[in-house]
N, C-alpha and C. Protein backbone atom coordinates (compact mmCIF):
# COMPACT_ATOMS: atom_id res chain seq x y z
N UNK A 1 69.40 88.18 94.75
CA UNK A 1 69.53 88.37 96.17
C UNK A 1 70.38 87.25 96.79
N UNK A 2 70.19 86.02 96.29
CA UNK A 2 70.95 84.89 96.81
C UNK A 2 72.44 85.04 96.51
N UNK A 3 72.75 85.56 95.31
CA UNK A 3 74.16 85.76 94.96
C UNK A 3 74.82 86.76 95.87
N UNK A 4 74.12 87.83 96.19
CA UNK A 4 74.68 88.84 97.09
C UNK A 4 74.91 88.25 98.48
N UNK A 5 73.96 87.46 98.95
CA UNK A 5 74.10 86.83 100.26
C UNK A 5 75.26 85.83 100.24
N UNK A 6 75.37 85.05 99.15
CA UNK A 6 76.48 84.10 99.03
C UNK A 6 77.82 84.82 99.01
N UNK A 7 77.87 85.94 98.28
CA UNK A 7 79.10 86.73 98.21
C UNK A 7 79.47 87.26 99.59
N UNK A 8 78.48 87.77 100.30
CA UNK A 8 78.72 88.28 101.66
C UNK A 8 79.18 87.15 102.57
N UNK A 9 78.57 85.97 102.44
CA UNK A 9 78.98 84.82 103.26
C UNK A 9 80.42 84.41 102.94
N UNK A 10 80.80 84.45 101.66
CA UNK A 10 82.17 84.11 101.29
C UNK A 10 83.17 85.10 101.87
N UNK A 11 82.82 86.39 101.84
CA UNK A 11 83.73 87.39 102.42
C UNK A 11 83.84 87.20 103.93
N UNK A 12 82.73 86.90 104.59
CA UNK A 12 82.78 86.64 106.04
C UNK A 12 83.65 85.41 106.34
N UNK A 13 83.50 84.38 105.52
CA UNK A 13 84.31 83.17 105.71
C UNK A 13 85.79 83.48 105.49
N UNK A 14 86.10 84.22 104.43
CA UNK A 14 87.50 84.57 104.17
C UNK A 14 88.08 85.39 105.31
N UNK A 15 87.34 86.37 105.80
CA UNK A 15 87.82 87.17 106.93
C UNK A 15 87.98 86.32 108.19
N UNK A 16 87.09 85.36 108.38
CA UNK A 16 87.23 84.46 109.53
C UNK A 16 88.46 83.58 109.38
N UNK A 17 88.73 83.10 108.16
CA UNK A 17 89.91 82.27 107.94
C UNK A 17 91.20 83.07 108.13
N UNK A 18 91.18 84.31 107.68
CA UNK A 18 92.37 85.16 107.81
C UNK A 18 92.67 85.41 109.29
N UNK A 19 91.63 85.66 110.05
CA UNK A 19 91.73 85.78 111.51
C UNK A 19 92.90 86.59 112.00
N UNK A 20 93.79 85.95 112.74
CA UNK A 20 94.91 86.62 113.38
C UNK A 20 96.02 87.03 112.44
N UNK A 21 95.92 86.67 111.18
CA UNK A 21 96.97 87.03 110.20
C UNK A 21 96.60 88.29 109.41
N UNK A 22 95.54 88.94 109.82
CA UNK A 22 95.09 90.14 109.11
C UNK A 22 96.17 91.22 109.11
N UNK A 23 96.82 91.43 110.26
CA UNK A 23 97.82 92.50 110.35
C UNK A 23 99.06 92.16 109.54
N UNK A 24 99.40 90.88 109.44
CA UNK A 24 100.54 90.49 108.61
C UNK A 24 100.24 90.79 107.14
N UNK A 25 99.03 90.46 106.70
CA UNK A 25 98.66 90.75 105.31
C UNK A 25 98.59 92.25 105.06
N UNK A 26 98.04 93.00 106.00
CA UNK A 26 98.00 94.46 105.83
C UNK A 26 99.40 95.05 105.81
N UNK A 27 100.29 94.50 106.61
CA UNK A 27 101.69 94.96 106.59
C UNK A 27 102.33 94.65 105.24
N UNK A 28 102.02 93.49 104.69
CA UNK A 28 102.53 93.14 103.36
C UNK A 28 102.03 94.13 102.31
N UNK A 29 100.78 94.57 102.45
CA UNK A 29 100.23 95.55 101.52
C UNK A 29 100.91 96.90 101.69
N UNK A 30 101.23 97.28 102.92
CA UNK A 30 101.93 98.54 103.17
C UNK A 30 103.33 98.51 102.57
N UNK A 31 104.02 97.37 102.72
CA UNK A 31 105.36 97.24 102.13
C UNK A 31 105.26 97.24 100.61
N UNK A 32 104.17 96.68 100.07
CA UNK A 32 103.95 96.71 98.63
C UNK A 32 103.78 98.15 98.15
N UNK A 33 103.07 98.96 98.90
CA UNK A 33 102.93 100.38 98.56
C UNK A 33 104.30 101.06 98.53
N UNK A 34 105.14 100.76 99.49
CA UNK A 34 106.49 101.31 99.50
C UNK A 34 107.26 100.87 98.25
N UNK A 35 107.13 99.60 97.87
CA UNK A 35 107.82 99.09 96.68
C UNK A 35 107.32 99.78 95.42
N UNK A 36 106.00 100.01 95.35
CA UNK A 36 105.43 100.70 94.18
C UNK A 36 105.98 102.13 94.10
N UNK A 37 106.07 102.79 95.24
CA UNK A 37 106.60 104.15 95.23
C UNK A 37 108.08 104.15 94.86
N UNK A 38 108.81 103.12 95.28
CA UNK A 38 110.22 103.01 94.90
C UNK A 38 110.38 102.72 93.41
N UNK A 39 109.37 102.11 92.79
CA UNK A 39 109.42 101.88 91.34
C UNK A 39 109.42 103.20 90.57
N UNK A 40 108.85 104.24 91.15
CA UNK A 40 108.77 105.53 90.48
C UNK A 40 110.07 106.32 90.59
N UNK A 41 110.90 106.00 91.55
CA UNK A 41 112.13 106.76 91.78
C UNK A 41 113.04 106.77 90.55
N UNK A 42 113.27 105.65 89.84
CA UNK A 42 114.12 105.73 88.64
C UNK A 42 113.58 106.71 87.59
N UNK A 43 112.29 106.80 87.45
CA UNK A 43 111.73 107.74 86.48
C UNK A 43 111.96 109.18 86.93
N UNK A 44 111.81 109.39 88.23
CA UNK A 44 112.08 110.72 88.77
C UNK A 44 113.56 111.07 88.57
N UNK A 45 114.44 110.12 88.81
CA UNK A 45 115.87 110.36 88.63
C UNK A 45 116.22 110.60 87.17
N UNK A 46 115.56 109.91 86.27
CA UNK A 46 115.75 110.16 84.84
C UNK A 46 115.32 111.57 84.48
N UNK A 47 114.20 111.99 85.02
CA UNK A 47 113.73 113.36 84.82
C UNK A 47 114.78 114.36 85.33
N UNK A 48 115.32 114.10 86.52
CA UNK A 48 116.33 114.98 87.11
C UNK A 48 117.60 115.00 86.24
N UNK A 49 117.98 113.84 85.67
CA UNK A 49 119.17 113.77 84.82
C UNK A 49 118.97 114.58 83.55
N UNK A 50 117.81 114.45 82.94
CA UNK A 50 117.52 115.22 81.72
C UNK A 50 117.48 116.71 82.04
N UNK A 51 116.86 117.06 83.14
CA UNK A 51 116.80 118.45 83.56
C UNK A 51 118.21 119.01 83.81
N UNK A 52 119.07 118.18 84.40
CA UNK A 52 120.45 118.60 84.65
C UNK A 52 121.20 118.79 83.34
N UNK A 53 121.04 117.87 82.41
CA UNK A 53 121.74 117.98 81.11
C UNK A 53 121.28 119.20 80.34
N UNK A 54 120.02 119.52 80.42
CA UNK A 54 119.50 120.69 79.70
C UNK A 54 119.87 121.99 80.41
N UNK A 55 119.78 121.97 81.73
CA UNK A 55 119.95 123.21 82.51
C UNK A 55 121.39 123.62 82.75
N UNK A 56 122.22 122.71 83.25
CA UNK A 56 123.60 123.05 83.62
C UNK A 56 124.57 122.00 83.12
N UNK A 57 124.96 122.07 81.86
CA UNK A 57 125.84 121.04 81.30
C UNK A 57 127.23 120.98 81.94
N UNK A 58 127.69 122.05 82.55
CA UNK A 58 129.05 122.04 83.11
C UNK A 58 129.14 121.21 84.40
N UNK A 59 128.05 121.02 85.12
CA UNK A 59 128.08 120.28 86.38
C UNK A 59 127.50 118.88 86.23
N UNK A 60 127.45 118.36 85.02
CA UNK A 60 126.73 117.12 84.80
C UNK A 60 127.42 115.89 85.34
N UNK A 61 128.72 115.76 85.24
CA UNK A 61 129.39 114.51 85.63
C UNK A 61 129.14 114.18 87.09
N UNK A 62 129.35 115.10 87.98
CA UNK A 62 129.18 114.82 89.40
C UNK A 62 127.70 114.60 89.75
N UNK A 63 126.84 115.39 89.12
CA UNK A 63 125.40 115.24 89.39
C UNK A 63 124.89 113.91 88.84
N UNK A 64 125.32 113.55 87.64
CA UNK A 64 124.87 112.29 87.05
C UNK A 64 125.39 111.08 87.83
N UNK A 65 126.59 111.16 88.36
CA UNK A 65 127.11 110.07 89.19
C UNK A 65 126.28 109.93 90.47
N UNK A 66 125.93 111.05 91.07
CA UNK A 66 125.10 111.00 92.28
C UNK A 66 123.72 110.41 91.96
N UNK A 67 123.15 110.81 90.83
CA UNK A 67 121.86 110.26 90.42
C UNK A 67 121.96 108.76 90.14
N UNK A 68 123.08 108.32 89.58
CA UNK A 68 123.28 106.90 89.32
C UNK A 68 123.35 106.11 90.63
N UNK A 69 124.00 106.65 91.63
CA UNK A 69 124.06 105.99 92.94
C UNK A 69 122.67 105.88 93.53
N UNK A 70 121.89 106.96 93.43
CA UNK A 70 120.52 106.94 93.94
C UNK A 70 119.67 105.93 93.17
N UNK A 71 119.92 105.81 91.86
CA UNK A 71 119.18 104.85 91.04
C UNK A 71 119.44 103.42 91.51
N UNK A 72 120.70 103.08 91.74
CA UNK A 72 121.04 101.73 92.21
C UNK A 72 120.41 101.48 93.58
N UNK A 73 120.47 102.47 94.45
CA UNK A 73 119.88 102.32 95.79
C UNK A 73 118.37 102.12 95.70
N UNK A 74 117.71 102.90 94.84
CA UNK A 74 116.26 102.78 94.70
C UNK A 74 115.86 101.42 94.15
N UNK A 75 116.60 100.91 93.17
CA UNK A 75 116.29 99.59 92.62
C UNK A 75 116.51 98.49 93.66
N UNK A 76 117.59 98.59 94.42
CA UNK A 76 117.86 97.60 95.46
C UNK A 76 116.76 97.63 96.52
N UNK A 77 116.36 98.82 96.93
CA UNK A 77 115.31 98.93 97.94
C UNK A 77 113.97 98.44 97.42
N UNK A 78 113.69 98.69 96.14
CA UNK A 78 112.43 98.21 95.55
C UNK A 78 112.36 96.69 95.60
N UNK A 79 113.43 96.03 95.15
CA UNK A 79 113.43 94.57 95.16
C UNK A 79 113.41 94.02 96.58
N UNK A 80 114.08 94.69 97.50
CA UNK A 80 114.04 94.28 98.89
C UNK A 80 112.61 94.41 99.45
N UNK A 81 111.95 95.51 99.14
CA UNK A 81 110.58 95.72 99.61
C UNK A 81 109.63 94.67 99.04
N UNK A 82 109.74 94.39 97.75
CA UNK A 82 108.89 93.34 97.18
C UNK A 82 109.20 91.98 97.82
N UNK A 83 110.46 91.70 98.06
CA UNK A 83 110.82 90.44 98.71
C UNK A 83 110.22 90.32 100.10
N UNK A 84 110.27 91.41 100.86
CA UNK A 84 109.70 91.41 102.20
C UNK A 84 108.18 91.25 102.13
N UNK A 85 107.54 91.94 101.18
CA UNK A 85 106.09 91.84 101.04
C UNK A 85 105.67 90.40 100.70
N UNK A 86 106.40 89.77 99.77
CA UNK A 86 106.08 88.38 99.43
C UNK A 86 106.37 87.45 100.60
N UNK A 87 107.44 87.69 101.33
CA UNK A 87 107.75 86.86 102.49
C UNK A 87 106.63 86.95 103.52
N UNK A 88 106.17 88.15 103.79
CA UNK A 88 105.10 88.35 104.77
C UNK A 88 103.80 87.70 104.30
N UNK A 89 103.45 87.90 103.03
CA UNK A 89 102.19 87.34 102.53
C UNK A 89 102.26 85.81 102.49
N UNK A 90 103.41 85.24 102.13
CA UNK A 90 103.54 83.78 102.14
C UNK A 90 103.47 83.24 103.57
N UNK A 91 104.13 83.91 104.49
CA UNK A 91 104.09 83.47 105.89
C UNK A 91 102.64 83.44 106.38
N UNK A 92 101.90 84.50 106.10
CA UNK A 92 100.50 84.57 106.51
C UNK A 92 99.68 83.50 105.79
N UNK A 93 99.90 83.31 104.49
CA UNK A 93 99.12 82.34 103.72
C UNK A 93 99.30 80.92 104.25
N UNK A 94 100.54 80.54 104.53
CA UNK A 94 100.77 79.18 105.02
C UNK A 94 100.20 78.98 106.42
N UNK A 95 100.25 80.01 107.24
CA UNK A 95 99.64 79.90 108.58
C UNK A 95 98.12 79.78 108.45
N UNK A 96 97.54 80.53 107.54
CA UNK A 96 96.08 80.47 107.32
C UNK A 96 95.69 79.10 106.77
N UNK A 97 96.50 78.56 105.86
CA UNK A 97 96.21 77.24 105.31
C UNK A 97 96.26 76.17 106.40
N UNK A 98 97.26 76.26 107.26
CA UNK A 98 97.37 75.27 108.34
C UNK A 98 96.16 75.38 109.29
N UNK A 99 95.78 76.60 109.63
CA UNK A 99 94.62 76.78 110.52
C UNK A 99 93.34 76.29 109.85
N UNK A 100 93.21 76.53 108.56
CA UNK A 100 92.02 76.09 107.82
C UNK A 100 91.95 74.58 107.79
N UNK A 101 93.09 73.93 107.55
CA UNK A 101 93.11 72.46 107.53
C UNK A 101 92.77 71.90 108.91
N UNK A 102 93.32 72.50 109.95
CA UNK A 102 92.98 72.03 111.30
C UNK A 102 91.49 72.19 111.56
N UNK A 103 90.93 73.30 111.10
CA UNK A 103 89.49 73.55 111.29
C UNK A 103 88.66 72.52 110.54
N UNK A 104 89.04 72.24 109.29
CA UNK A 104 88.32 71.24 108.50
C UNK A 104 88.40 69.85 109.13
N UNK A 105 89.58 69.48 109.57
CA UNK A 105 89.75 68.15 110.15
C UNK A 105 88.97 68.04 111.46
N UNK A 106 88.94 69.11 112.25
CA UNK A 106 88.16 69.04 113.49
C UNK A 106 86.66 68.90 113.19
N UNK A 107 86.18 69.53 112.11
CA UNK A 107 84.78 69.35 111.71
C UNK A 107 84.54 67.94 111.18
N UNK A 108 85.51 67.42 110.44
CA UNK A 108 85.37 66.06 109.92
C UNK A 108 85.33 65.04 111.06
N UNK A 109 86.07 65.30 112.12
CA UNK A 109 86.08 64.38 113.26
C UNK A 109 84.71 64.31 113.93
N UNK A 110 83.94 65.38 113.83
CA UNK A 110 82.61 65.42 114.44
C UNK A 110 81.50 64.99 113.48
N UNK A 111 81.85 64.79 112.20
CA UNK A 111 80.84 64.42 111.20
C UNK A 111 80.39 62.98 111.41
N UNK A 112 79.13 62.70 111.08
CA UNK A 112 78.65 61.31 111.18
C UNK A 112 79.43 60.40 110.24
N UNK A 113 79.71 59.22 110.69
CA UNK A 113 80.49 58.27 109.92
C UNK A 113 79.82 57.93 108.59
N UNK A 114 78.50 57.86 108.57
CA UNK A 114 77.79 57.55 107.31
C UNK A 114 78.04 58.65 106.27
N UNK A 115 78.06 59.89 106.70
CA UNK A 115 78.33 61.00 105.78
C UNK A 115 79.76 60.93 105.26
N UNK A 116 80.70 60.62 106.14
CA UNK A 116 82.11 60.51 105.74
C UNK A 116 82.27 59.40 104.71
N UNK A 117 81.59 58.26 104.91
CA UNK A 117 81.66 57.16 103.95
C UNK A 117 81.04 57.54 102.61
N UNK A 118 79.96 58.31 102.63
CA UNK A 118 79.31 58.75 101.39
C UNK A 118 80.23 59.66 100.57
N UNK A 119 80.99 60.50 101.25
CA UNK A 119 81.84 61.46 100.54
C UNK A 119 83.00 60.77 99.83
N UNK A 120 83.54 59.77 100.42
CA UNK A 120 84.67 59.07 99.83
C UNK A 120 85.98 59.75 100.20
N UNK A 121 87.04 58.96 100.25
CA UNK A 121 88.33 59.49 100.69
C UNK A 121 88.91 60.49 99.69
N UNK A 122 88.65 60.28 98.40
CA UNK A 122 89.18 61.20 97.38
C UNK A 122 88.59 62.59 97.50
N UNK A 123 87.28 62.67 97.71
CA UNK A 123 86.62 63.97 97.84
C UNK A 123 87.06 64.68 99.11
N UNK A 124 87.20 63.93 100.19
CA UNK A 124 87.65 64.54 101.44
C UNK A 124 89.09 65.02 101.34
N UNK A 125 89.94 64.21 100.69
CA UNK A 125 91.33 64.61 100.49
C UNK A 125 91.38 65.88 99.64
N UNK A 126 90.57 65.92 98.61
CA UNK A 126 90.53 67.11 97.74
C UNK A 126 90.14 68.35 98.55
N UNK A 127 89.15 68.20 99.43
CA UNK A 127 88.69 69.34 100.22
C UNK A 127 89.75 69.81 101.20
N UNK A 128 90.38 68.88 101.88
CA UNK A 128 91.32 69.25 102.94
C UNK A 128 92.68 69.66 102.38
N UNK A 129 93.13 69.00 101.34
CA UNK A 129 94.49 69.26 100.83
C UNK A 129 94.46 70.22 99.64
N UNK A 130 93.84 69.82 98.55
CA UNK A 130 93.96 70.56 97.31
C UNK A 130 93.13 71.85 97.29
N UNK A 131 91.92 71.81 97.81
CA UNK A 131 91.10 73.02 97.80
C UNK A 131 91.68 74.09 98.71
N UNK A 132 92.21 73.67 99.84
CA UNK A 132 92.82 74.64 100.76
C UNK A 132 94.11 75.19 100.14
N UNK A 133 94.79 74.39 99.35
CA UNK A 133 96.03 74.83 98.69
C UNK A 133 95.79 76.03 97.78
N UNK A 134 94.59 76.15 97.26
CA UNK A 134 94.26 77.29 96.38
C UNK A 134 94.30 78.61 97.13
N UNK A 135 94.13 78.57 98.43
CA UNK A 135 94.23 79.79 99.23
C UNK A 135 95.61 80.42 99.12
N UNK A 136 96.64 79.58 98.98
CA UNK A 136 98.01 80.09 98.94
C UNK A 136 98.21 81.07 97.79
N UNK A 137 97.76 80.70 96.61
CA UNK A 137 97.94 81.58 95.45
C UNK A 137 97.20 82.90 95.66
N UNK A 138 96.00 82.81 96.19
CA UNK A 138 95.21 84.03 96.40
C UNK A 138 95.85 84.91 97.47
N UNK A 139 96.16 84.34 98.60
CA UNK A 139 96.65 85.14 99.72
C UNK A 139 98.12 85.55 99.56
N UNK A 140 98.96 84.66 99.10
CA UNK A 140 100.39 84.95 99.04
C UNK A 140 100.78 85.77 97.82
N UNK A 141 100.14 85.51 96.69
CA UNK A 141 100.55 86.18 95.46
C UNK A 141 99.62 87.32 95.09
N UNK A 142 98.33 87.04 95.07
CA UNK A 142 97.39 88.05 94.59
C UNK A 142 97.32 89.28 95.48
N UNK A 143 97.55 89.11 96.77
CA UNK A 143 97.49 90.29 97.64
C UNK A 143 98.56 91.29 97.23
N UNK A 144 99.78 90.82 96.98
CA UNK A 144 100.87 91.71 96.59
C UNK A 144 100.69 92.18 95.15
N UNK A 145 100.39 91.26 94.24
CA UNK A 145 100.33 91.60 92.82
C UNK A 145 99.15 92.50 92.49
N UNK A 146 97.99 92.22 93.04
CA UNK A 146 96.82 93.06 92.76
C UNK A 146 97.00 94.43 93.39
N UNK A 147 97.55 94.48 94.60
CA UNK A 147 97.81 95.77 95.23
C UNK A 147 98.78 96.58 94.39
N UNK A 148 99.81 95.94 93.91
CA UNK A 148 100.78 96.62 93.05
C UNK A 148 100.14 97.10 91.75
N UNK A 149 99.32 96.25 91.15
CA UNK A 149 98.67 96.61 89.89
C UNK A 149 97.68 97.77 90.06
N UNK A 150 97.07 97.88 91.23
CA UNK A 150 96.12 98.97 91.47
C UNK A 150 96.85 100.25 91.86
N UNK A 151 97.86 100.11 92.73
CA UNK A 151 98.53 101.30 93.25
C UNK A 151 99.50 101.93 92.25
N UNK A 152 100.13 101.12 91.39
CA UNK A 152 101.11 101.67 90.45
C UNK A 152 100.52 102.75 89.55
N UNK A 153 99.38 102.51 88.89
CA UNK A 153 98.83 103.59 88.06
C UNK A 153 98.41 104.82 88.88
N UNK A 154 97.93 104.59 90.09
CA UNK A 154 97.55 105.73 90.93
C UNK A 154 98.77 106.56 91.33
N UNK A 155 99.85 105.88 91.68
CA UNK A 155 101.07 106.60 92.05
C UNK A 155 101.68 107.31 90.84
N UNK A 156 101.65 106.66 89.68
CA UNK A 156 102.16 107.30 88.46
C UNK A 156 101.34 108.54 88.14
N UNK A 157 100.03 108.42 88.26
CA UNK A 157 99.16 109.58 88.00
C UNK A 157 99.46 110.70 88.98
N UNK A 158 99.63 110.38 90.24
CA UNK A 158 99.96 111.42 91.23
C UNK A 158 101.29 112.08 90.92
N UNK A 159 102.28 111.28 90.53
CA UNK A 159 103.59 111.85 90.17
C UNK A 159 103.48 112.74 88.94
N UNK A 160 102.75 112.28 87.94
CA UNK A 160 102.58 113.10 86.73
C UNK A 160 101.83 114.40 87.04
N UNK A 161 100.83 114.32 87.87
CA UNK A 161 100.11 115.54 88.26
C UNK A 161 101.03 116.51 88.99
N UNK A 162 101.95 115.96 89.78
CA UNK A 162 102.88 116.80 90.52
C UNK A 162 103.90 117.44 89.58
N UNK A 163 104.38 116.65 88.59
CA UNK A 163 105.38 117.18 87.65
C UNK A 163 104.75 118.20 86.72
N UNK A 164 103.65 117.80 86.05
CA UNK A 164 102.98 118.72 85.11
C UNK A 164 101.57 118.18 84.88
N UNK A 165 100.58 118.94 85.28
CA UNK A 165 99.19 118.47 85.19
C UNK A 165 98.76 118.28 83.74
N UNK A 166 99.33 119.05 82.81
CA UNK A 166 98.96 118.88 81.39
C UNK A 166 99.48 117.55 80.85
N UNK A 167 100.69 117.20 81.26
CA UNK A 167 101.25 115.90 80.88
C UNK A 167 100.40 114.77 81.44
N UNK A 168 99.97 114.92 82.67
CA UNK A 168 99.13 113.89 83.31
C UNK A 168 97.82 113.72 82.55
N UNK A 169 97.19 114.82 82.18
CA UNK A 169 95.93 114.74 81.43
C UNK A 169 96.13 114.11 80.06
N UNK A 170 97.26 114.42 79.41
CA UNK A 170 97.55 113.83 78.11
C UNK A 170 97.73 112.31 78.23
N UNK A 171 98.44 111.89 79.26
CA UNK A 171 98.65 110.46 79.48
C UNK A 171 97.34 109.76 79.82
N UNK A 172 96.54 110.40 80.68
CA UNK A 172 95.27 109.80 81.08
C UNK A 172 94.29 109.72 79.91
N UNK A 173 94.39 110.64 78.96
CA UNK A 173 93.49 110.62 77.80
C UNK A 173 93.80 109.44 76.88
N UNK A 174 95.03 108.97 76.91
CA UNK A 174 95.42 107.86 76.04
C UNK A 174 94.80 106.54 76.50
N UNK A 175 94.58 106.40 77.81
CA UNK A 175 94.03 105.15 78.36
C UNK A 175 92.73 104.72 77.72
N UNK A 176 91.69 105.59 77.74
CA UNK A 176 90.44 105.19 77.09
C UNK A 176 90.59 104.93 75.59
N UNK A 177 91.46 105.69 74.92
CA UNK A 177 91.69 105.45 73.49
C UNK A 177 92.33 104.07 73.27
N UNK A 178 93.29 103.71 74.10
CA UNK A 178 93.92 102.40 73.98
C UNK A 178 92.91 101.29 74.27
N UNK A 179 92.06 101.47 75.26
CA UNK A 179 91.04 100.48 75.59
C UNK A 179 90.05 100.33 74.43
N UNK A 180 89.64 101.43 73.84
CA UNK A 180 88.72 101.38 72.70
C UNK A 180 89.38 100.67 71.51
N UNK A 181 90.65 100.96 71.27
CA UNK A 181 91.37 100.30 70.18
C UNK A 181 91.51 98.81 70.40
N UNK A 182 91.85 98.43 71.62
CA UNK A 182 91.98 97.00 71.94
C UNK A 182 90.64 96.29 71.82
N UNK A 183 89.56 96.94 72.27
CA UNK A 183 88.23 96.34 72.16
C UNK A 183 87.83 96.17 70.70
N UNK A 184 88.09 97.18 69.88
CA UNK A 184 87.76 97.09 68.46
C UNK A 184 88.56 95.96 67.79
N UNK A 185 89.82 95.83 68.16
CA UNK A 185 90.67 94.77 67.60
C UNK A 185 90.13 93.39 68.00
N UNK A 186 89.76 93.24 69.27
CA UNK A 186 89.23 91.94 69.73
C UNK A 186 87.91 91.62 69.03
N UNK A 187 87.06 92.62 68.85
CA UNK A 187 85.80 92.39 68.14
C UNK A 187 86.05 91.99 66.69
N UNK A 188 87.06 92.60 66.06
CA UNK A 188 87.37 92.24 64.67
C UNK A 188 87.88 90.80 64.59
N UNK A 189 88.58 90.32 65.62
CA UNK A 189 89.04 88.93 65.63
C UNK A 189 87.90 87.96 65.79
N UNK A 190 86.88 88.35 66.55
CA UNK A 190 85.73 87.50 66.76
C UNK A 190 84.94 87.31 65.47
N UNK A 191 84.88 88.36 64.66
CA UNK A 191 84.07 88.31 63.44
C UNK A 191 84.81 87.67 62.27
N UNK A 192 86.05 87.32 62.45
CA UNK A 192 86.80 86.70 61.35
C UNK A 192 86.47 85.24 61.24
């Protein structure tokens, strides 16, 4: 019960620290979704190129050139979207870090001098500088990367279901088999 309460308190604290930067982080996540969807465009274009080569070989040169232009545009937009998402998440993270440090220092200013002396300058510096610095990696990087890692398989699955539901089921069936194989391999390494 204490762990659940501690976890809830940590989430409340994190949401309080995020404060006014919530919309910036949510916008970064929305741009990340756009980038993930743009990652799928080259695969769709490859599918279209193969379909064109199989279906109408006489019109391939002009169609393939158009698909190549779309491919370059999709890749450029994907990298631009990821860049914007990282820029937004970093901007929010540094603002949150600055606000957190101001909040900590204002609390330290009100702390009893005897308590401040007991803590020592090294521990206080660690709390205000280094511990707060850890927020940057979580907020600036993990928000984009974890969102991308979660959304990419979902978007791929949706695209596969749209293209051919049998292909999607075949691909999805491989996941648990690969996980079982990797687990068996790791267990065999442990027993060696």
